[in-house]
Protein backbone atom coordinates (compact mmCIF):
# COMPACT_ATOMS: atom_id res chain seq x y z
CA MET A 1 0.00 0.00 0.00
CA ASN A 2 1.35 3.38 -0.93
CA PRO A 3 0.75 6.63 1.02
CA GLN A 4 -1.91 7.79 -1.44
CA GLN A 5 -4.04 4.75 -0.64
CA MET A 6 -3.51 5.05 3.12
CA ALA A 7 -4.50 8.73 3.35
CA PRO A 8 -8.28 8.11 3.02
CA VAL A 9 -8.10 5.27 5.56
CA ILE A 10 -6.25 7.50 8.04
CA GLY A 11 -8.70 10.33 7.42
CA LEU A 12 -11.66 7.99 7.96
CA THR A 13 -10.16 6.66 11.18
CA ILE A 14 -9.55 10.18 12.51
CA THR A 15 -13.08 11.26 11.55
CA ILE A 16 -14.70 8.26 13.27
CA GLY A 17 -12.51 8.83 16.34
CA GLY A 18 -13.58 12.48 16.46
CA ILE A 19 -17.25 11.54 16.17
CA LEU A 20 -16.93 9.02 19.00
CA PHE A 21 -15.09 11.56 21.14
CA GLN A 22 -17.71 14.25 20.57
CA SER A 23 -20.59 11.84 21.32
CA GLY A 24 -18.84 10.92 24.57
CA LYS A 25 -18.58 14.60 25.51
CA GLN A 26 -22.29 15.10 24.80
CA ALA A 27 -23.20 12.06 26.88
CA GLU A 28 -21.16 13.46 29.77
CA ARG A 29 -22.99 16.79 29.49
CA LEU A 30 -26.34 15.01 29.56
CA ASP A 31 -25.32 13.14 32.71
CA PHE A 32 -24.31 16.43 34.26
CA VAL A 33 -27.65 18.02 33.36
CA PHE A 34 -29.68 15.08 34.67
CA GLY A 35 -27.53 14.98 37.81
CA LYS A 36 -28.25 18.66 38.32
CA VAL A 37 -32.00 18.08 38.08
CA GLU A 38 -31.72 15.22 40.53
CA ALA A 39 -29.86 17.47 42.95
CA GLN A 40 -32.59 20.12 42.64
CA GLU A 41 -35.25 17.51 43.43
CA LYS A 42 -33.34 16.49 46.54
CA LYS A 43 -33.05 20.16 47.53
CA VAL A 44 -36.81 20.68 47.13
CA THR A 45 -37.50 17.59 49.25
CA TYR A 46 -35.06 18.81 51.90
CA ASN A 47 -36.66 22.27 51.90
CA ASN A 48 -40.15 20.80 52.20
CA ASN A 49 -39.06 18.67 55.15
CA ALA A 50 -37.40 21.67 56.79
CA LEU A 51 -40.55 23.77 56.33
CA LEU A 52 -42.69 21.02 57.86
CA ASP A 53 -40.33 20.83 60.85
CA ILE A 54 -40.46 24.61 61.28
CA LYS A 55 -44.26 24.59 61.05
CA GLY A 56 -44.47 21.86 63.70
CA ASP A 57 -42.12 23.79 66.00
CA LEU A 58 -44.13 26.97 65.47
CA LYS A 59 -47.36 25.22 66.45
CA THR A 60 -45.69 23.85 69.58
CA LEU A 61 -44.40 27.29 70.50
CA THR A 62 -47.82 28.83 69.90
CA ASN A 63 -49.39 26.32 72.27
CA ASP A 64 -46.66 26.92 74.86
CA VAL A 65 -47.15 30.70 74.70
CA ALA A 66 -50.91 30.30 75.09
CA THR A 67 -50.34 28.11 78.16
CA ILE A 68 -47.91 30.65 79.64
CA LYS A 69 -50.43 33.46 79.08
CA GLN A 70 -53.10 31.47 80.87
CA ASP A 71 -50.72 30.77 83.78
CA VAL A 72 -49.91 34.49 84.07
CA ARG A 73 -53.65 35.33 84.15
CA ASP A 74 -54.19 32.74 86.88
CA MET A 75 -51.30 34.18 88.91
CA LYS A 76 -52.66 37.72 88.54
CA GLN A 77 -56.08 36.58 89.73
CA GLN A 78 -54.59 34.87 92.78
CA LEU A 79 -52.48 37.93 93.61
CA ASN A 80 -55.56 40.16 93.31
CA ARG A 81 -57.40 37.82 95.73
CA TYR A 82 -54.60 38.08 98.31
CA LYS A 83 -54.46 41.89 98.02
CA ALA A 84 -58.16 42.24 98.62
């Protein structure tokens, strides 16, 4: 085989190699994009769980404050009884 016959074969090999390389790069980008979406879904789930925890704590605190207010009213009434 002379160099003139080998040139098209070498060119074909380089072209196919380039196509394979580029398709690999695109596949990696797609994995990165899908991984990013997956991470966002996890973040949304984490945020939802955090909001539910905060809401539960807020309800508990609201009940505690209401109980404290009632205790203060009871104490004031008892003090007013002793003053009278």
